[in-house]
N, C-alpha and C. Protein backbone atom coordinates (compact mmCIF):
# COMPACT_ATOMS: atom_id res chain seq x y z
N UNK A 1 -1.32 -11.01 -29.26
CA UNK A 1 0.06 -11.40 -29.40
C UNK A 1 0.28 -12.22 -30.66
N UNK A 2 -0.59 -12.08 -31.60
CA UNK A 2 -0.42 -12.83 -32.84
C UNK A 2 0.56 -12.16 -33.78
N UNK A 3 0.75 -10.87 -33.66
CA UNK A 3 1.66 -10.14 -34.54
C UNK A 3 3.05 -10.09 -33.91
N UNK A 4 3.96 -10.94 -34.37
CA UNK A 4 5.30 -11.02 -33.81
C UNK A 4 6.05 -9.71 -33.94
N UNK A 5 5.85 -8.96 -35.02
CA UNK A 5 6.54 -7.69 -35.24
C UNK A 5 6.17 -6.66 -34.17
N UNK A 6 4.98 -6.77 -33.62
CA UNK A 6 4.51 -5.83 -32.59
C UNK A 6 5.42 -5.86 -31.36
N UNK A 7 6.06 -6.97 -31.09
CA UNK A 7 6.85 -7.15 -29.88
C UNK A 7 8.35 -7.16 -30.12
N UNK A 8 8.80 -6.67 -31.25
CA UNK A 8 10.23 -6.63 -31.50
C UNK A 8 10.81 -5.31 -31.03
N UNK A 9 12.06 -5.32 -30.63
CA UNK A 9 12.75 -4.09 -30.24
C UNK A 9 13.85 -3.84 -31.25
N UNK A 10 14.60 -2.77 -31.05
CA UNK A 10 15.62 -2.41 -32.03
C UNK A 10 16.69 -3.50 -32.18
N UNK A 11 16.86 -4.34 -31.19
CA UNK A 11 17.85 -5.41 -31.27
C UNK A 11 17.27 -6.68 -31.88
N UNK A 12 15.96 -6.68 -32.11
CA UNK A 12 15.29 -7.87 -32.66
C UNK A 12 15.54 -9.08 -31.77
N UNK A 13 15.49 -8.87 -30.44
CA UNK A 13 15.83 -9.95 -29.53
C UNK A 13 14.69 -10.29 -28.57
N UNK A 14 13.45 -10.05 -28.96
CA UNK A 14 12.32 -10.34 -28.10
C UNK A 14 12.09 -11.85 -28.05
N UNK A 15 11.97 -12.37 -26.84
CA UNK A 15 11.69 -13.79 -26.64
C UNK A 15 10.18 -13.93 -26.47
N UNK A 16 9.48 -14.22 -27.53
CA UNK A 16 8.01 -14.25 -27.51
C UNK A 16 7.47 -15.27 -26.51
N UNK A 17 8.18 -16.36 -26.32
CA UNK A 17 7.73 -17.36 -25.35
C UNK A 17 7.70 -16.74 -23.94
N UNK A 18 8.75 -16.01 -23.58
CA UNK A 18 8.80 -15.35 -22.27
C UNK A 18 7.78 -14.23 -22.18
N UNK A 19 7.64 -13.47 -23.26
CA UNK A 19 6.67 -12.37 -23.26
C UNK A 19 5.27 -12.90 -23.01
N UNK A 20 4.90 -13.95 -23.68
CA UNK A 20 3.56 -14.56 -23.50
C UNK A 20 3.40 -15.11 -22.09
N UNK A 21 4.44 -15.78 -21.58
CA UNK A 21 4.39 -16.36 -20.23
C UNK A 21 4.18 -15.27 -19.18
N UNK A 22 5.01 -14.23 -19.25
CA UNK A 22 4.95 -13.16 -18.24
C UNK A 22 3.68 -12.34 -18.42
N UNK A 23 3.31 -12.01 -19.64
CA UNK A 23 2.11 -11.21 -19.89
C UNK A 23 0.87 -11.87 -19.31
N UNK A 24 0.84 -13.18 -19.34
CA UNK A 24 -0.31 -13.91 -18.81
C UNK A 24 -0.36 -13.98 -17.30
N UNK A 25 0.71 -13.56 -16.64
CA UNK A 25 0.78 -13.69 -15.18
C UNK A 25 0.74 -12.37 -14.44
N UNK A 26 0.95 -11.24 -15.12
CA UNK A 26 0.88 -9.96 -14.42
C UNK A 26 -0.57 -9.50 -14.37
N UNK A 27 -0.94 -8.77 -13.33
CA UNK A 27 -2.34 -8.33 -13.19
C UNK A 27 -2.74 -7.38 -14.32
N UNK A 28 -4.04 -7.34 -14.56
CA UNK A 28 -4.57 -6.41 -15.56
C UNK A 28 -4.30 -4.98 -15.11
N UNK A 29 -4.40 -4.02 -16.03
CA UNK A 29 -4.01 -2.64 -15.76
C UNK A 29 -4.84 -2.01 -14.62
N UNK A 30 -6.09 -2.35 -14.49
CA UNK A 30 -6.91 -1.81 -13.40
C UNK A 30 -6.36 -2.21 -12.04
N UNK A 31 -5.98 -3.47 -11.90
CA UNK A 31 -5.40 -3.95 -10.65
C UNK A 31 -4.03 -3.33 -10.41
N UNK A 32 -3.27 -3.18 -11.49
CA UNK A 32 -1.95 -2.56 -11.37
C UNK A 32 -2.07 -1.12 -10.91
N UNK A 33 -3.06 -0.40 -11.44
CA UNK A 33 -3.28 0.99 -11.00
C UNK A 33 -3.65 1.04 -9.53
N UNK A 34 -4.48 0.10 -9.07
CA UNK A 34 -4.84 0.07 -7.65
C UNK A 34 -3.61 -0.24 -6.79
N UNK A 35 -2.75 -1.13 -7.27
CA UNK A 35 -1.51 -1.42 -6.56
C UNK A 35 -0.64 -0.17 -6.46
N UNK A 36 -0.59 0.60 -7.54
CA UNK A 36 0.20 1.85 -7.53
C UNK A 36 -0.36 2.81 -6.49
N UNK A 37 -1.68 2.89 -6.37
CA UNK A 37 -2.31 3.75 -5.35
C UNK A 37 -1.94 3.27 -3.95
N UNK A 38 -1.90 1.97 -3.77
CA UNK A 38 -1.49 1.40 -2.49
C UNK A 38 -0.06 1.82 -2.14
N UNK A 39 0.84 1.71 -3.10
CA UNK A 39 2.23 2.11 -2.85
C UNK A 39 2.35 3.62 -2.65
N UNK A 40 1.52 4.40 -3.32
CA UNK A 40 1.52 5.85 -3.08
C UNK A 40 1.14 6.14 -1.63
N UNK A 41 0.17 5.40 -1.12
CA UNK A 41 -0.26 5.59 0.27
C UNK A 41 0.90 5.31 1.22
N UNK A 42 1.71 4.33 0.91
CA UNK A 42 2.86 3.98 1.75
C UNK A 42 4.00 4.98 1.58
N UNK A 43 3.97 5.79 0.53
CA UNK A 43 5.09 6.67 0.23
C UNK A 43 5.12 7.95 1.08
N UNK A 44 4.04 8.27 1.76
CA UNK A 44 3.99 9.47 2.59
C UNK A 44 4.48 9.12 4.01
N UNK A 45 5.49 9.86 4.53
CA UNK A 45 6.04 9.53 5.85
C UNK A 45 5.00 9.56 6.98
N UNK A 46 4.08 10.50 6.95
CA UNK A 46 3.06 10.55 8.01
C UNK A 46 2.16 9.32 7.95
N UNK A 47 1.71 8.97 6.75
CA UNK A 47 0.86 7.78 6.62
C UNK A 47 1.62 6.53 7.03
N UNK A 48 2.89 6.46 6.66
CA UNK A 48 3.68 5.28 7.02
C UNK A 48 3.87 5.19 8.53
N UNK A 49 4.05 6.33 9.20
CA UNK A 49 4.13 6.31 10.66
C UNK A 49 2.81 5.83 11.27
N UNK A 50 1.70 6.29 10.72
CA UNK A 50 0.38 5.85 11.19
C UNK A 50 0.27 4.33 11.04
N UNK A 51 0.65 3.83 9.88
CA UNK A 51 0.54 2.38 9.63
C UNK A 51 1.47 1.58 10.54
N UNK A 52 2.66 2.10 10.79
CA UNK A 52 3.57 1.41 11.70
C UNK A 52 2.99 1.37 13.11
N UNK A 53 2.39 2.48 13.53
CA UNK A 53 1.78 2.51 14.87
C UNK A 53 0.61 1.52 14.93
N UNK A 54 -0.20 1.49 13.88
CA UNK A 54 -1.34 0.58 13.87
C UNK A 54 -0.93 -0.88 13.73
N UNK A 55 0.28 -1.11 13.27
CA UNK A 55 0.76 -2.50 13.20
C UNK A 55 1.08 -3.03 14.59
N UNK A 56 1.20 -2.11 15.55
CA UNK A 56 1.50 -2.50 16.94
C UNK A 56 0.22 -2.65 17.75
N UNK A 57 -0.73 -1.71 17.54
CA UNK A 57 -1.97 -1.76 18.32
C UNK A 57 -3.05 -0.93 17.66
N UNK A 58 -4.27 -1.24 17.98
CA UNK A 58 -5.43 -0.46 17.57
C UNK A 58 -5.40 0.87 18.32
N UNK A 59 -5.65 1.99 17.62
CA UNK A 59 -5.53 3.31 18.24
C UNK A 59 -6.65 4.24 17.79
N UNK A 60 -6.96 5.23 18.63
CA UNK A 60 -7.90 6.28 18.25
C UNK A 60 -7.12 7.43 17.61
N UNK A 61 -7.84 8.37 17.00
CA UNK A 61 -7.20 9.50 16.31
C UNK A 61 -6.31 10.29 17.26
N UNK A 62 -6.78 10.53 18.48
CA UNK A 62 -6.00 11.31 19.44
C UNK A 62 -4.69 10.61 19.80
N UNK A 63 -4.75 9.30 19.98
CA UNK A 63 -3.53 8.53 20.27
C UNK A 63 -2.55 8.62 19.10
N UNK A 64 -3.07 8.44 17.89
CA UNK A 64 -2.22 8.50 16.70
C UNK A 64 -1.60 9.89 16.57
N UNK A 65 -2.39 10.91 16.82
CA UNK A 65 -1.91 12.29 16.75
C UNK A 65 -0.74 12.51 17.71
N UNK A 66 -0.88 11.99 18.93
CA UNK A 66 0.18 12.14 19.93
C UNK A 66 1.44 11.36 19.53
N UNK A 67 1.26 10.18 18.98
CA UNK A 67 2.40 9.34 18.59
C UNK A 67 3.15 9.95 17.41
N UNK A 68 2.42 10.40 16.41
CA UNK A 68 3.01 10.89 15.17
C UNK A 68 3.37 12.38 15.28
N UNK A 69 2.83 13.04 16.30
CA UNK A 69 3.06 14.47 16.53
C UNK A 69 2.58 15.32 15.36
N UNK A 70 1.36 15.03 14.93
CA UNK A 70 0.68 15.75 13.86
C UNK A 70 -0.72 16.05 14.36
N UNK A 71 -1.32 17.13 13.88
CA UNK A 71 -2.64 17.54 14.37
C UNK A 71 -3.70 16.46 14.14
N UNK A 72 -4.70 16.48 14.99
CA UNK A 72 -5.82 15.53 14.87
C UNK A 72 -6.47 15.67 13.50
N UNK A 73 -6.63 16.90 13.04
CA UNK A 73 -7.22 17.15 11.73
C UNK A 73 -6.42 16.49 10.60
N UNK A 74 -5.11 16.64 10.65
CA UNK A 74 -4.25 16.04 9.63
C UNK A 74 -4.29 14.52 9.70
N UNK A 75 -4.33 13.98 10.90
CA UNK A 75 -4.41 12.52 11.07
C UNK A 75 -5.74 12.01 10.51
N UNK A 76 -6.82 12.72 10.82
CA UNK A 76 -8.14 12.32 10.31
C UNK A 76 -8.15 12.30 8.78
N UNK A 77 -7.54 13.29 8.18
CA UNK A 77 -7.45 13.35 6.71
C UNK A 77 -6.70 12.13 6.17
N UNK A 78 -5.57 11.81 6.79
CA UNK A 78 -4.77 10.67 6.34
C UNK A 78 -5.51 9.35 6.55
N UNK A 79 -6.22 9.24 7.67
CA UNK A 79 -6.97 8.01 7.94
C UNK A 79 -8.11 7.83 6.93
N UNK A 80 -8.73 8.92 6.51
CA UNK A 80 -9.80 8.85 5.51
C UNK A 80 -9.24 8.27 4.21
N UNK A 81 -8.07 8.76 3.80
CA UNK A 81 -7.45 8.23 2.59
C UNK A 81 -7.12 6.74 2.74
N UNK A 82 -6.55 6.38 3.88
CA UNK A 82 -6.19 4.98 4.12
C UNK A 82 -7.42 4.08 4.19
N UNK A 83 -8.51 4.60 4.73
CA UNK A 83 -9.77 3.84 4.77
C UNK A 83 -10.30 3.63 3.36
N UNK A 84 -10.26 4.68 2.54
CA UNK A 84 -10.77 4.58 1.17
C UNK A 84 -9.99 3.58 0.33
N UNK A 85 -8.74 3.38 0.67
CA UNK A 85 -7.90 2.40 -0.03
C UNK A 85 -7.97 1.01 0.61
N UNK A 86 -8.81 0.86 1.62
CA UNK A 86 -8.99 -0.42 2.33
C UNK A 86 -7.71 -0.88 3.01
N UNK A 87 -6.94 0.09 3.51
CA UNK A 87 -5.71 -0.22 4.22
C UNK A 87 -5.96 -0.28 5.72
N UNK A 88 -6.85 0.57 6.22
CA UNK A 88 -7.23 0.54 7.63
C UNK A 88 -8.73 0.36 7.78
N UNK A 89 -9.11 -0.16 8.93
CA UNK A 89 -10.51 -0.31 9.34
C UNK A 89 -10.76 0.59 10.53
N UNK A 90 -12.01 0.87 10.77
CA UNK A 90 -12.36 1.58 12.00
C UNK A 90 -13.56 0.91 12.65
N UNK A 91 -13.63 1.08 13.96
CA UNK A 91 -14.78 0.57 14.71
C UNK A 91 -15.12 1.59 15.78
N UNK A 92 -16.41 1.70 16.06
CA UNK A 92 -16.86 2.64 17.08
C UNK A 92 -17.14 1.92 18.38
N UNK A 93 -16.74 2.58 19.44
CA UNK A 93 -17.05 2.10 20.78
C UNK A 93 -17.54 3.33 21.55
N UNK A 94 -18.86 3.45 21.65
CA UNK A 94 -19.43 4.68 22.21
C UNK A 94 -19.14 5.83 21.27
N UNK A 95 -18.55 6.89 21.79
CA UNK A 95 -18.17 8.04 20.96
C UNK A 95 -16.79 7.90 20.35
N UNK A 96 -16.05 6.92 20.81
CA UNK A 96 -14.66 6.73 20.33
C UNK A 96 -14.63 5.89 19.05
N UNK A 97 -13.72 6.25 18.17
CA UNK A 97 -13.49 5.50 16.94
C UNK A 97 -12.05 4.98 17.00
N UNK A 98 -11.90 3.69 16.84
CA UNK A 98 -10.58 3.06 16.89
C UNK A 98 -10.21 2.56 15.49
N UNK A 99 -8.94 2.70 15.17
CA UNK A 99 -8.43 2.30 13.87
C UNK A 99 -7.47 1.13 14.02
N UNK A 100 -7.48 0.27 13.00
CA UNK A 100 -6.57 -0.87 12.95
C UNK A 100 -6.24 -1.15 11.49
N UNK A 101 -5.21 -1.95 11.27
CA UNK A 101 -4.87 -2.34 9.90
C UNK A 101 -5.96 -3.26 9.36
N UNK A 102 -6.22 -3.15 8.08
CA UNK A 102 -7.28 -3.93 7.45
C UNK A 102 -7.03 -5.43 7.53
N UNK A 103 -5.79 -5.85 7.28
CA UNK A 103 -5.47 -7.27 7.36
C UNK A 103 -3.96 -7.48 7.51
N UNK A 104 -3.57 -8.71 7.61
CA UNK A 104 -2.16 -9.02 7.86
C UNK A 104 -1.27 -8.69 6.67
N UNK A 105 -1.85 -8.55 5.47
CA UNK A 105 -1.02 -8.20 4.31
C UNK A 105 -0.36 -6.84 4.48
N UNK A 106 -1.08 -5.90 5.07
CA UNK A 106 -0.54 -4.57 5.29
C UNK A 106 0.62 -4.65 6.28
N UNK A 107 0.42 -5.40 7.33
CA UNK A 107 1.48 -5.60 8.32
C UNK A 107 2.70 -6.26 7.68
N UNK A 108 2.48 -7.21 6.80
CA UNK A 108 3.57 -7.90 6.11
C UNK A 108 4.34 -6.94 5.20
N UNK A 109 3.62 -6.06 4.50
CA UNK A 109 4.29 -5.07 3.64
C UNK A 109 5.21 -4.17 4.46
N UNK A 110 4.73 -3.75 5.62
CA UNK A 110 5.52 -2.90 6.51
C UNK A 110 6.75 -3.66 7.00
N UNK A 111 6.54 -4.90 7.40
CA UNK A 111 7.65 -5.72 7.91
C UNK A 111 8.70 -5.96 6.83
N UNK A 112 8.27 -6.24 5.61
CA UNK A 112 9.21 -6.48 4.52
C UNK A 112 9.99 -5.20 4.21
N UNK A 113 9.33 -4.06 4.23
CA UNK A 113 10.02 -2.78 3.98
C UNK A 113 11.06 -2.52 5.06
N UNK A 114 10.70 -2.76 6.33
CA UNK A 114 11.66 -2.58 7.43
C UNK A 114 12.86 -3.50 7.25
N UNK A 115 12.58 -4.75 6.94
CA UNK A 115 13.65 -5.74 6.74
C UNK A 115 14.57 -5.31 5.61
N UNK A 116 13.99 -4.83 4.53
CA UNK A 116 14.80 -4.38 3.38
C UNK A 116 15.70 -3.21 3.77
N UNK A 117 15.16 -2.25 4.49
CA UNK A 117 15.93 -1.07 4.92
C UNK A 117 17.07 -1.49 5.86
N UNK A 118 16.81 -2.42 6.74
CA UNK A 118 17.83 -2.87 7.68
C UNK A 118 18.98 -3.61 7.00
N UNK A 119 18.71 -4.18 5.82
CA UNK A 119 19.75 -4.89 5.08
C UNK A 119 20.68 -3.93 4.35
N UNK A 120 20.26 -2.72 4.12
CA UNK A 120 21.07 -1.76 3.35
C UNK A 120 22.30 -1.30 4.10
């Protein structure tokens, strides 16, 4: 940020003090890309239904399939993606595998989205 001309726009109205302040506080591009992947995961209606169901209770694939009314195979595929993004956890109990949200941040994101939609 040493080259002031690098940050000028056609109006010549760049506030370098603000640019430096904000630039120092936003996450690096790698973290931003991971955040974008997280939001992509939330953008699919089936995945979002799965996450909403898991925000209420821990469930197995068959339960999720019945709730979301999507095949077990499709649910398993979506859960694999959500697991890879560290959005859901799984635990085994005998032959059964139960899924839950990874942490309260995921639940909070869902709650904030619901609240936002209800305000519209």
